[in-house]
Amino acid sequence: MIRPIYRLACITLRPLQHLACAATVLISLWTSPLAAADVPAGCGKAWWCQPQVTQEKLAKALADLDVWAQDESRKSIYYSTELQPMPMDETLKAFDKSGFNNIYGYGSLHWLLKKSAKFVSLLFPGHFVTVLRVNSNHPYSNPSGSHDAHSKGLDVDMGYVLIDPNDESSQIDFEAQFWFIYMLYSEAKLVSSHRYSGFSYIHEMESYLDSAIARAMIPKHFRFSGITDPWEFSHISHFHFGINPCAKPLTRTASGPRCLP
């Protein structure tokens, strides 16, 4: 980007003027939004280059989320290490899929889902997250009888966030999906730790990630990790998220349950 602008500005000048002009152009570029990488390299008309979420919108949603967390974190369900029914509301709903209609899990997992779903609803009013299943062995066993990662209440299957959540044929809202997974990953580091994920749209998520980092909306060190099968067909219709149990009693804080050393 620098070379064409530099040529247009300085190519017709004499040598000494040429050097002075070059320095001026480079300094102006370095301090301009362009040099600050407001627009990621290679961005064009792709959806991740034209986000709905702005820095101002993000800051307000995070501030509102903190207020919500201070009140919600007082509920005892989020600190339980025994299977608990997931608390549902307008941001987090259940969907019966293939006989798995029970949504019991550990309190720490419930907290992650509730907080992340609330975050999405603040950024995208009217959106909600659909939970397909959490634990499949409570109160009855896995219908297939096979080994299931969900048996310990620390794994969840969810539908992708849709542009129109009330229409099952609606397309995926990738931007809303990104912010939901971003909060899941960010909060999981504090609650216990993330174990692994499975979803098939990692390319879209990472493309938006690059755009968000370039716009200084999220930390540069943030990465999606533990993706076990990003290209497998098994996660075309839904995505999976799993966390590790906290080895110590969860600590109550105004920001939610925390697994402190």
C-alpha atoms as a PDB file:
ATOM      1  CA  MET A   1       0.000   0.000   0.000  1.00  0.00           C
ATOM      2  CA  ILE A   2       2.866   2.421   0.670  1.00  0.00           C
ATOM      3  CA  ARG A   3       4.642   2.116  -2.684  1.00  0.00           C
ATOM      4  CA  PRO A   4       1.856   3.352  -5.038  1.00  0.00           C
ATOM      5  CA  ILE A   5       1.018   6.325  -2.798  1.00  0.00           C
ATOM      6  CA  TYR A   6       4.684   7.194  -2.450  1.00  0.00           C
ATOM      7  CA  ARG A   7       5.146   7.195  -6.223  1.00  0.00           C
ATOM      8  CA  LEU A   8       2.144   9.409  -6.871  1.00  0.00           C
ATOM      9  CA  ALA A   9       3.262  11.931  -4.265  1.00  0.00           C
ATOM     10  CA  CYS A  10       6.990  12.176  -4.987  1.00  0.00           C
ATOM     11  CA  ILE A  11       7.978  10.793  -8.367  1.00  0.00           C
ATOM     12  CA  THR A  12       8.088  14.137 -10.208  1.00  0.00           C
ATOM     13  CA  LEU A  13      10.274  15.988  -7.711  1.00  0.00           C
ATOM     14  CA  ARG A  14      14.047  16.663  -7.763  1.00  0.00           C
ATOM     15  CA  PRO A  15      16.369  14.445  -5.681  1.00  0.00           C
ATOM     16  CA  LEU A  16      16.500  16.537  -2.480  1.00  0.00           C
ATOM     17  CA  GLN A  17      12.833  17.358  -2.699  1.00  0.00           C
ATOM     18  CA  HIS A  18      12.226  13.694  -3.467  1.00  0.00           C
ATOM     19  CA  LEU A  19      13.818  12.572  -0.175  1.00  0.00           C
ATOM     20  CA  ALA A  20      11.942  15.149   1.869  1.00  0.00           C
ATOM     21  CA  CYS A  21       8.692  14.214   0.255  1.00  0.00           C
ATOM     22  CA  ALA A  22       9.318  10.506   0.827  1.00  0.00           C
ATOM     23  CA  ALA A  23       9.927  11.091   4.526  1.00  0.00           C
ATOM     24  CA  THR A  24       6.761  13.151   4.824  1.00  0.00           C
ATOM     25  CA  VAL A  25       4.678  10.506   3.067  1.00  0.00           C
ATOM     26  CA  LEU A  26       6.065   7.656   5.183  1.00  0.00           C
ATOM     27  CA  ILE A  27       5.491   9.550   8.434  1.00  0.00           C
ATOM     28  CA  SER A  28       1.941  10.407   7.467  1.00  0.00           C
ATOM     29  CA  LEU A  29       1.270   6.789   6.507  1.00  0.00           C
ATOM     30  CA  TRP A  30       2.742   5.481   9.758  1.00  0.00           C
ATOM     31  CA  THR A  31       0.396   7.661  11.813  1.00  0.00           C
ATOM     32  CA  SER A  32      -2.633   7.199   9.587  1.00  0.00           C
ATOM     33  CA  PRO A  33      -5.429   4.619  10.011  1.00  0.00           C
ATOM     34  CA  LEU A  34      -3.995   2.765   7.016  1.00  0.00           C
ATOM     35  CA  ALA A  35      -0.632   2.134   8.688  1.00  0.00           C
ATOM     36  CA  ALA A  36      -2.428   1.228  11.906  1.00  0.00           C
ATOM     37  CA  ALA A  37      -3.900  -1.685   9.942  1.00  0.00           C
ATOM     38  CA  ASP A  38      -7.514  -0.611  10.339  1.00  0.00           C
ATOM     39  CA  VAL A  39      -8.163  -2.589   7.185  1.00  0.00           C
ATOM     40  CA  PRO A  40      -6.611  -6.095   7.276  1.00  0.00           C
ATOM     41  CA  ALA A  41      -4.456  -7.126   4.343  1.00  0.00           C
ATOM     42  CA  GLY A  42      -6.505  -8.777   1.647  1.00  0.00           C
ATOM     43  CA  CYS A  43      -9.813  -7.406   2.907  1.00  0.00           C
ATOM     44  CA  GLY A  44     -12.402  -6.513   0.337  1.00  0.00           C
ATOM     45  CA  LYS A  45     -16.113  -7.144   0.275  1.00  0.00           C
ATOM     46  CA  ALA A  46     -15.894 -10.240   2.470  1.00  0.00           C
ATOM     47  CA  TRP A  47     -18.353 -10.164   5.370  1.00  0.00           C
ATOM     48  CA  TRP A  48     -15.566 -10.220   7.959  1.00  0.00           C
ATOM     49  CA  CYS A  49     -14.182  -6.995   6.493  1.00  0.00           C
ATOM     50  CA  GLN A  50     -17.506  -5.219   6.966  1.00  0.00           C
ATOM     51  CA  PRO A  51     -18.446  -5.992  10.582  1.00  0.00           C
ATOM     52  CA  GLN A  52     -21.607  -4.818  12.293  1.00  0.00           C
ATOM     53  CA  VAL A  53     -19.832  -4.701  15.640  1.00  0.00           C
ATOM     54  CA  THR A  54     -17.900  -1.475  16.210  1.00  0.00           C
ATOM     55  CA  GLN A  55     -15.507  -0.630  19.036  1.00  0.00           C
ATOM     56  CA  GLU A  56     -18.190   1.514  20.653  1.00  0.00           C
ATOM     57  CA  LYS A  57     -20.821  -1.208  20.383  1.00  0.00           C
ATOM     58  CA  LEU A  58     -18.403  -3.771  21.793  1.00  0.00           C
ATOM     59  CA  ALA A  59     -17.409  -1.567  24.725  1.00  0.00           C
ATOM     60  CA  LYS A  60     -21.050  -0.951  25.668  1.00  0.00           C
ATOM     61  CA  ALA A  61     -21.910  -4.663  25.445  1.00  0.00           C
ATOM     62  CA  LEU A  62     -18.969  -5.584  27.676  1.00  0.00           C
ATOM     63  CA  ALA A  63     -19.926  -2.925  30.223  1.00  0.00           C
ATOM     64  CA  ASP A  64     -23.535  -4.139  30.274  1.00  0.00           C
ATOM     65  CA  LEU A  65     -22.289  -7.724  30.548  1.00  0.00           C
ATOM     66  CA  ASP A  66     -20.267  -6.818  33.653  1.00  0.00           C
ATOM     67  CA  VAL A  67     -23.386  -5.389  35.282  1.00  0.00           C
ATOM     68  CA  TRP A  68     -25.325  -8.545  34.407  1.00  0.00           C
ATOM     69  CA  ALA A  69     -22.528 -10.777  35.763  1.00  0.00           C
ATOM     70  CA  GLN A  70     -22.457  -9.041  39.153  1.00  0.00           C
ATOM     71  CA  ASP A  71     -26.056 -10.042  39.776  1.00  0.00           C
ATOM     72  CA  GLU A  72     -26.098 -13.408  37.975  1.00  0.00           C
ATOM     73  CA  SER A  73     -22.905 -14.639  39.667  1.00  0.00           C
ATOM     74  CA  ARG A  74     -24.688 -14.724  43.030  1.00  0.00           C
ATOM     75  CA  LYS A  75     -26.734 -17.775  42.004  1.00  0.00           C
ATOM     76  CA  SER A  76     -25.546 -20.980  43.645  1.00  0.00           C
ATOM     77  CA  ILE A  77     -26.184 -23.163  40.584  1.00  0.00           C
ATOM     78  CA  TYR A  78     -22.989 -21.944  38.910  1.00  0.00           C
ATOM     79  CA  TYR A  79     -20.803 -23.303  41.702  1.00  0.00           C
ATOM     80  CA  SER A  80     -22.188 -26.833  41.761  1.00  0.00           C
ATOM     81  CA  THR A  81     -19.932 -29.774  40.878  1.00  0.00           C
ATOM     82  CA  GLU A  82     -22.980 -32.016  40.556  1.00  0.00           C
ATOM     83  CA  LEU A  83     -25.272 -32.240  37.569  1.00  0.00           C
ATOM     84  CA  GLN A  84     -27.776 -29.407  37.507  1.00  0.00           C
ATOM     85  CA  PRO A  85     -30.534 -28.541  35.034  1.00  0.00           C
ATOM     86  CA  MET A  86     -29.443 -25.668  32.846  1.00  0.00           C
ATOM     87  CA  PRO A  87     -31.276 -22.408  33.603  1.00  0.00           C
ATOM     88  CA  MET A  88     -32.962 -21.275  30.411  1.00  0.00           C
ATOM     89  CA  ASP A  89     -34.121 -17.827  29.375  1.00  0.00           C
ATOM     90  CA  GLU A  90     -34.657 -15.774  26.234  1.00  0.00           C
ATOM     91  CA  THR A  91     -30.933 -15.926  25.368  1.00  0.00           C
ATOM     92  CA  LEU A  92     -30.362 -19.672  25.913  1.00  0.00           C
ATOM     93  CA  LYS A  93     -32.916 -22.199  24.735  1.00  0.00           C
ATOM     94  CA  ALA A  94     -33.098 -25.981  24.403  1.00  0.00           C
ATOM     95  CA  PHE A  95     -33.836 -28.077  21.353  1.00  0.00           C
ATOM     96  CA  ASP A  96     -34.657 -31.786  21.448  1.00  0.00           C
ATOM     97  CA  LYS A  97     -32.380 -33.572  18.970  1.00  0.00           C
ATOM     98  CA  SER A  98     -32.557 -37.354  18.387  1.00  0.00           C
ATOM     99  CA  GLY A  99     -33.909 -38.100  21.835  1.00  0.00           C
ATOM    100  CA  PHE A 100     -31.318 -36.023  23.710  1.00  0.00           C
ATOM    101  CA  ASN A 101     -33.670 -33.643  25.463  1.00  0.00           C
ATOM    102  CA  ASN A 102     -31.907 -33.436  28.815  1.00  0.00           C
ATOM    103  CA  ILE A 103     -29.663 -30.475  29.493  1.00  0.00           C
ATOM    104  CA  TYR A 104     -27.953 -31.229  32.766  1.00  0.00           C
ATOM    105  CA  GLY A 105     -24.384 -30.170  33.398  1.00  0.00           C
ATOM    106  CA  TYR A 106     -21.881 -28.759  35.851  1.00  0.00           C
ATOM    107  CA  GLY A 107     -22.500 -25.252  37.132  1.00  0.00           C
ATOM    108  CA  SER A 108     -19.281 -23.927  35.623  1.00  0.00           C
ATOM    109  CA  LEU A 109     -20.377 -24.983  32.132  1.00  0.00           C
ATOM    110  CA  HIS A 110     -23.787 -23.414  32.669  1.00  0.00           C
ATOM    111  CA  TRP A 111     -22.063 -20.151  33.580  1.00  0.00           C
ATOM    112  CA  LEU A 112     -20.015 -20.149  30.381  1.00  0.00           C
ATOM    113  CA  LEU A 113     -23.069 -20.729  28.233  1.00  0.00           C
ATOM    114  CA  LYS A 114     -25.269 -18.213  30.011  1.00  0.00           C
ATOM    115  CA  LYS A 115     -22.659 -15.454  29.965  1.00  0.00           C
ATOM    116  CA  SER A 116     -21.688 -16.041  26.339  1.00  0.00           C
ATOM    117  CA  ALA A 117     -25.330 -16.177  25.231  1.00  0.00           C
ATOM    118  CA  LYS A 118     -26.054 -12.960  27.131  1.00  0.00           C
ATOM    119  CA  PHE A 119     -23.089 -11.320  25.406  1.00  0.00           C
ATOM    120  CA  VAL A 120     -24.473 -12.261  21.987  1.00  0.00           C
ATOM    121  CA  SER A 121     -27.898 -10.856  22.881  1.00  0.00           C
ATOM    122  CA  LEU A 122     -26.309  -7.549  23.906  1.00  0.00           C
ATOM    123  CA  LEU A 123     -24.418  -7.269  20.620  1.00  0.00           C
ATOM    124  CA  PHE A 124     -27.243  -8.654  18.483  1.00  0.00           C
ATOM    125  CA  PRO A 125     -30.642  -7.991  20.130  1.00  0.00           C
ATOM    126  CA  GLY A 126     -33.114 -10.794  19.477  1.00  0.00           C
ATOM    127  CA  HIS A 127     -30.449 -13.429  18.904  1.00  0.00           C
ATOM    128  CA  PHE A 128     -30.264 -16.486  21.136  1.00  0.00           C
ATOM    129  CA  VAL A 129     -28.221 -19.683  21.388  1.00  0.00           C
ATOM    130  CA  THR A 130     -29.781 -23.119  21.004  1.00  0.00           C
ATOM    131  CA  VAL A 131     -28.456 -25.914  23.200  1.00  0.00           C
ATOM    132  CA  LEU A 132     -28.876 -29.379  21.706  1.00  0.00           C
ATOM    133  CA  ARG A 133     -27.577 -31.356  24.647  1.00  0.00           C
ATOM    134  CA  VAL A 134     -25.135 -31.208  27.530  1.00  0.00           C
ATOM    135  CA  ASN A 135     -25.155 -34.398  29.570  1.00  0.00           C
ATOM    136  CA  SER A 136     -26.705 -37.434  27.928  1.00  0.00           C
ATOM    137  CA  ASN A 137     -26.580 -39.804  30.924  1.00  0.00           C
ATOM    138  CA  HIS A 138     -28.855 -37.886  33.268  1.00  0.00           C
ATOM    139  CA  PRO A 139     -31.511 -38.831  34.038  1.00  0.00           C
ATOM    140  CA  TYR A 140     -31.226 -41.677  31.545  1.00  0.00           C
ATOM    141  CA  SER A 141     -28.430 -43.363  29.599  1.00  0.00           C
ATOM    142  CA  ASN A 142     -27.190 -42.586  26.124  1.00  0.00           C
ATOM    143  CA  PRO A 143     -29.756 -44.190  23.779  1.00  0.00           C
ATOM    144  CA  SER A 144     -27.029 -45.519  21.485  1.00  0.00           C
ATOM    145  CA  GLY A 145     -25.134 -47.134  24.358  1.00  0.00           C
ATOM    146  CA  SER A 146     -21.792 -45.895  22.981  1.00  0.00           C
ATOM    147  CA  HIS A 147     -19.113 -43.868  24.754  1.00  0.00           C
ATOM    148  CA  ASP A 148     -20.096 -40.242  24.973  1.00  0.00           C
ATOM    149  CA  ALA A 149     -17.929 -37.228  25.785  1.00  0.00           C
ATOM    150  CA  HIS A 150     -20.987 -35.575  27.306  1.00  0.00           C
ATOM    151  CA  SER A 151     -21.306 -38.051  30.173  1.00  0.00           C
ATOM    152  CA  LYS A 152     -19.554 -35.826  32.748  1.00  0.00           C
ATOM    153  CA  GLY A 153     -21.596 -32.665  32.289  1.00  0.00           C
ATOM    154  CA  LEU A 154     -18.663 -30.626  30.956  1.00  0.00           C
ATOM    155  CA  ASP A 155     -19.396 -30.811  27.226  1.00  0.00           C
ATOM    156  CA  VAL A 156     -22.131 -29.195  25.196  1.00  0.00           C
ATOM    157  CA  ASP A 157     -23.523 -29.418  21.665  1.00  0.00           C
ATOM    158  CA  MET A 158     -25.062 -26.230  20.298  1.00  0.00           C
ATOM    159  CA  GLY A 159     -26.681 -25.101  17.104  1.00  0.00           C
ATOM    160  CA  TYR A 160     -24.866 -22.410  15.156  1.00  0.00           C
ATOM    161  CA  VAL A 161     -26.228 -18.920  15.796  1.00  0.00           C
ATOM    162  CA  LEU A 162     -28.637 -18.050  12.992  1.00  0.00           C
ATOM    163  CA  ILE A 163     -29.434 -14.747  11.321  1.00  0.00           C
ATOM    164  CA  ASP A 164     -33.071 -15.443  12.196  1.00  0.00           C
ATOM    165  CA  PRO A 165     -32.917 -17.683  15.280  1.00  0.00           C
ATOM    166  CA  ASN A 166     -36.632 -18.435  14.986  1.00  0.00           C
ATOM    167  CA  ASP A 167     -36.224 -19.925  11.495  1.00  0.00           C
ATOM    168  CA  GLU A 168     -34.336 -23.222  11.380  1.00  0.00           C
ATOM    169  CA  SER A 169     -33.685 -22.765   7.648  1.00  0.00           C
ATOM    170  CA  SER A 170     -31.996 -19.395   8.224  1.00  0.00           C
ATOM    171  CA  GLN A 171     -28.325 -18.962   7.348  1.00  0.00           C
ATOM    172  CA  ILE A 172     -25.633 -18.869  10.021  1.00  0.00           C
ATOM    173  CA  ASP A 173     -24.812 -15.450  11.434  1.00  0.00           C
ATOM    174  CA  PHE A 174     -21.036 -15.877  11.407  1.00  0.00           C
ATOM    175  CA  GLU A 175     -20.324 -12.587  13.137  1.00  0.00           C
ATOM    176  CA  ALA A 176     -22.653 -13.396  16.048  1.00  0.00           C
ATOM    177  CA  GLN A 177     -21.182 -16.915  16.110  1.00  0.00           C
ATOM    178  CA  PHE A 178     -17.678 -15.478  16.387  1.00  0.00           C
ATOM    179  CA  TRP A 179     -18.492 -13.331  19.410  1.00  0.00           C
ATOM    180  CA  PHE A 180     -20.249 -16.220  21.135  1.00  0.00           C
ATOM    181  CA  ILE A 181     -17.233 -18.503  20.720  1.00  0.00           C
ATOM    182  CA  TYR A 182     -14.865 -15.666  21.613  1.00  0.00           C
ATOM    183  CA  MET A 183     -16.586 -15.244  24.975  1.00  0.00           C
ATOM    184  CA  LEU A 184     -16.675 -19.015  25.537  1.00  0.00           C
ATOM    185  CA  TYR A 185     -12.910 -19.256  25.025  1.00  0.00           C
ATOM    186  CA  SER A 186     -12.135 -16.140  27.047  1.00  0.00           C
ATOM    187  CA  GLU A 187     -14.273 -17.076  30.039  1.00  0.00           C
ATOM    188  CA  ALA A 188     -13.245 -20.758  30.032  1.00  0.00           C
ATOM    189  CA  LYS A 189      -9.658 -19.744  30.816  1.00  0.00           C
ATOM    190  CA  LEU A 190     -10.881 -18.224  34.079  1.00  0.00           C
ATOM    191  CA  VAL A 191     -13.562 -20.714  35.087  1.00  0.00           C
ATOM    192  CA  SER A 192     -11.529 -23.893  34.637  1.00  0.00           C
ATOM    193  CA  SER A 193      -9.909 -24.390  31.250  1.00  0.00           C
ATOM    194  CA  HIS A 194     -10.950 -25.217  27.725  1.00  0.00           C
ATOM    195  CA  ARG A 195     -10.460 -28.829  26.675  1.00  0.00           C
ATOM    196  CA  TYR A 196     -11.489 -29.070  23.047  1.00  0.00           C
ATOM    197  CA  SER A 197     -13.952 -27.841  20.444  1.00  0.00           C
ATOM    198  CA  GLY A 198     -15.422 -29.131  17.249  1.00  0.00           C
ATOM    199  CA  PHE A 199     -16.872 -26.863  14.603  1.00  0.00           C
ATOM    200  CA  SER A 200     -16.655 -26.753  10.837  1.00  0.00           C
ATOM    201  CA  TYR A 201     -16.373 -23.028  10.164  1.00  0.00           C
ATOM    202  CA  ILE A 202     -12.941 -22.301  11.596  1.00  0.00           C
ATOM    203  CA  HIS A 203     -11.854 -20.508   8.403  1.00  0.00           C
ATOM    204  CA  GLU A 204     -14.683 -17.986   8.735  1.00  0.00           C
ATOM    205  CA  MET A 205     -13.991 -17.541  12.444  1.00  0.00           C
ATOM    206  CA  GLU A 206     -10.259 -16.966  11.924  1.00  0.00           C
ATOM    207  CA  SER A 207     -10.874 -14.537   9.061  1.00  0.00           C
ATOM    208  CA  TYR A 208     -13.059 -12.421  11.313  1.00  0.00           C
ATOM    209  CA  LEU A 209     -10.479 -12.831  14.077  1.00  0.00           C
ATOM    210  CA  ASP A 210      -7.791 -11.264  11.888  1.00  0.00           C
ATOM    211  CA  SER A 211     -10.140  -8.400  11.070  1.00  0.00           C
ATOM    212  CA  ALA A 212     -11.051  -7.836  14.727  1.00  0.00           C
ATOM    213  CA  ILE A 213      -7.405  -7.855  15.814  1.00  0.00           C
ATOM    214  CA  ALA A 214      -6.511  -5.369  13.077  1.00  0.00           C
ATOM    215  CA  ARG A 215      -9.231  -3.073  14.396  1.00  0.00           C
ATOM    216  CA  ALA A 216      -7.871  -3.404  17.949  1.00  0.00           C
ATOM    217  CA  MET A 217     -11.124  -4.920  19.161  1.00  0.00           C
ATOM    218  CA  ILE A 218      -9.633  -8.003  20.821  1.00  0.00           C
ATOM    219  CA  PRO A 219      -6.170  -8.926  22.182  1.00  0.00           C
ATOM    220  CA  LYS A 220      -3.526  -9.781  19.593  1.00  0.00           C
ATOM    221  CA  HIS A 221      -2.649 -13.000  21.398  1.00  0.00           C
ATOM    222  CA  PHE A 222      -6.171 -14.455  21.182  1.00  0.00           C
ATOM    223  CA  ARG A 223      -6.354 -17.679  19.177  1.00  0.00           C
ATOM    224  CA  PHE A 224      -8.815 -20.493  18.684  1.00  0.00           C
ATOM    225  CA  SER A 225      -7.173 -23.622  20.076  1.00  0.00           C
ATOM    226  CA  GLY A 226      -8.091 -27.232  20.656  1.00  0.00           C
ATOM    227  CA  ILE A 227     -10.122 -27.570  17.462  1.00  0.00           C
ATOM    228  CA  THR A 228     -10.206 -31.335  16.983  1.00  0.00           C
ATOM    229  CA  ASP A 229     -12.025 -31.738  13.689  1.00  0.00           C
ATOM    230  CA  PRO A 230     -12.639 -28.395  11.976  1.00  0.00           C
ATOM    231  CA  TRP A 231     -13.339 -29.940   8.593  1.00  0.00           C
ATOM    232  CA  GLU A 232     -15.315 -32.995   9.681  1.00  0.00           C
ATOM    233  CA  PHE A 233     -18.902 -33.322   8.530  1.00  0.00           C
ATOM    234  CA  SER A 234     -19.943 -34.295  12.047  1.00  0.00           C
ATOM    235  CA  HIS A 235     -19.952 -30.632  13.050  1.00  0.00           C
ATOM    236  CA  ILE A 236     -21.662 -29.116  10.041  1.00  0.00           C
ATOM    237  CA  SER A 237     -25.036 -29.038  11.792  1.00  0.00           C
ATOM    238  CA  HIS A 238     -23.795 -28.170  15.284  1.00  0.00           C
ATOM    239  CA  PHE A 239     -20.660 -27.302  17.217  1.00  0.00           C
ATOM    240  CA  HIS A 240     -19.116 -28.759  20.357  1.00  0.00           C
ATOM    241  CA  PHE A 241     -17.388 -27.137  23.320  1.00  0.00           C
ATOM    242  CA  GLY A 242     -15.819 -28.904  26.282  1.00  0.00           C
ATOM    243  CA  ILE A 243     -14.038 -27.722  29.431  1.00  0.00           C
ATOM    244  CA  ASN A 244     -11.937 -29.351  32.130  1.00  0.00           C
ATOM    245  CA  PRO A 245     -13.235 -29.696  35.683  1.00  0.00           C
ATOM    246  CA  CYS A 246     -11.826 -27.372  38.326  1.00  0.00           C
ATOM    247  CA  ALA A 247      -9.581 -29.395  40.655  1.00  0.00           C
ATOM    248  CA  LYS A 248     -10.438 -27.093  43.563  1.00  0.00           C
ATOM    249  CA  PRO A 249     -13.687 -25.596  44.868  1.00  0.00           C
ATOM    250  CA  LEU A 250     -14.888 -22.832  42.594  1.00  0.00           C
ATOM    251  CA  THR A 251     -14.428 -19.383  44.092  1.00  0.00           C
ATOM    252  CA  ARG A 252     -17.346 -16.966  44.090  1.00  0.00           C
ATOM    253  CA  THR A 253     -16.503 -13.604  42.591  1.00  0.00           C
ATOM    254  CA  ALA A 254     -18.478 -10.646  41.247  1.00  0.00           C
ATOM    255  CA  SER A 255     -17.369 -11.759  37.785  1.00  0.00           C
ATOM    256  CA  GLY A 256     -18.615 -15.321  38.178  1.00  0.00           C
ATOM    257  CA  PRO A 257     -17.123 -18.661  39.281  1.00  0.00           C
ATOM    258  CA  ARG A 258     -13.327 -18.785  39.178  1.00  0.00           C
ATOM    259  CA  CYS A 259     -10.955 -21.722  39.512  1.00  0.00           C
ATOM    260  CA  LEU A 260      -8.188 -20.015  41.467  1.00  0.00           C
ATOM    261  CA  PRO A 261      -4.785 -21.643  42.161  1.00  0.00           C
END
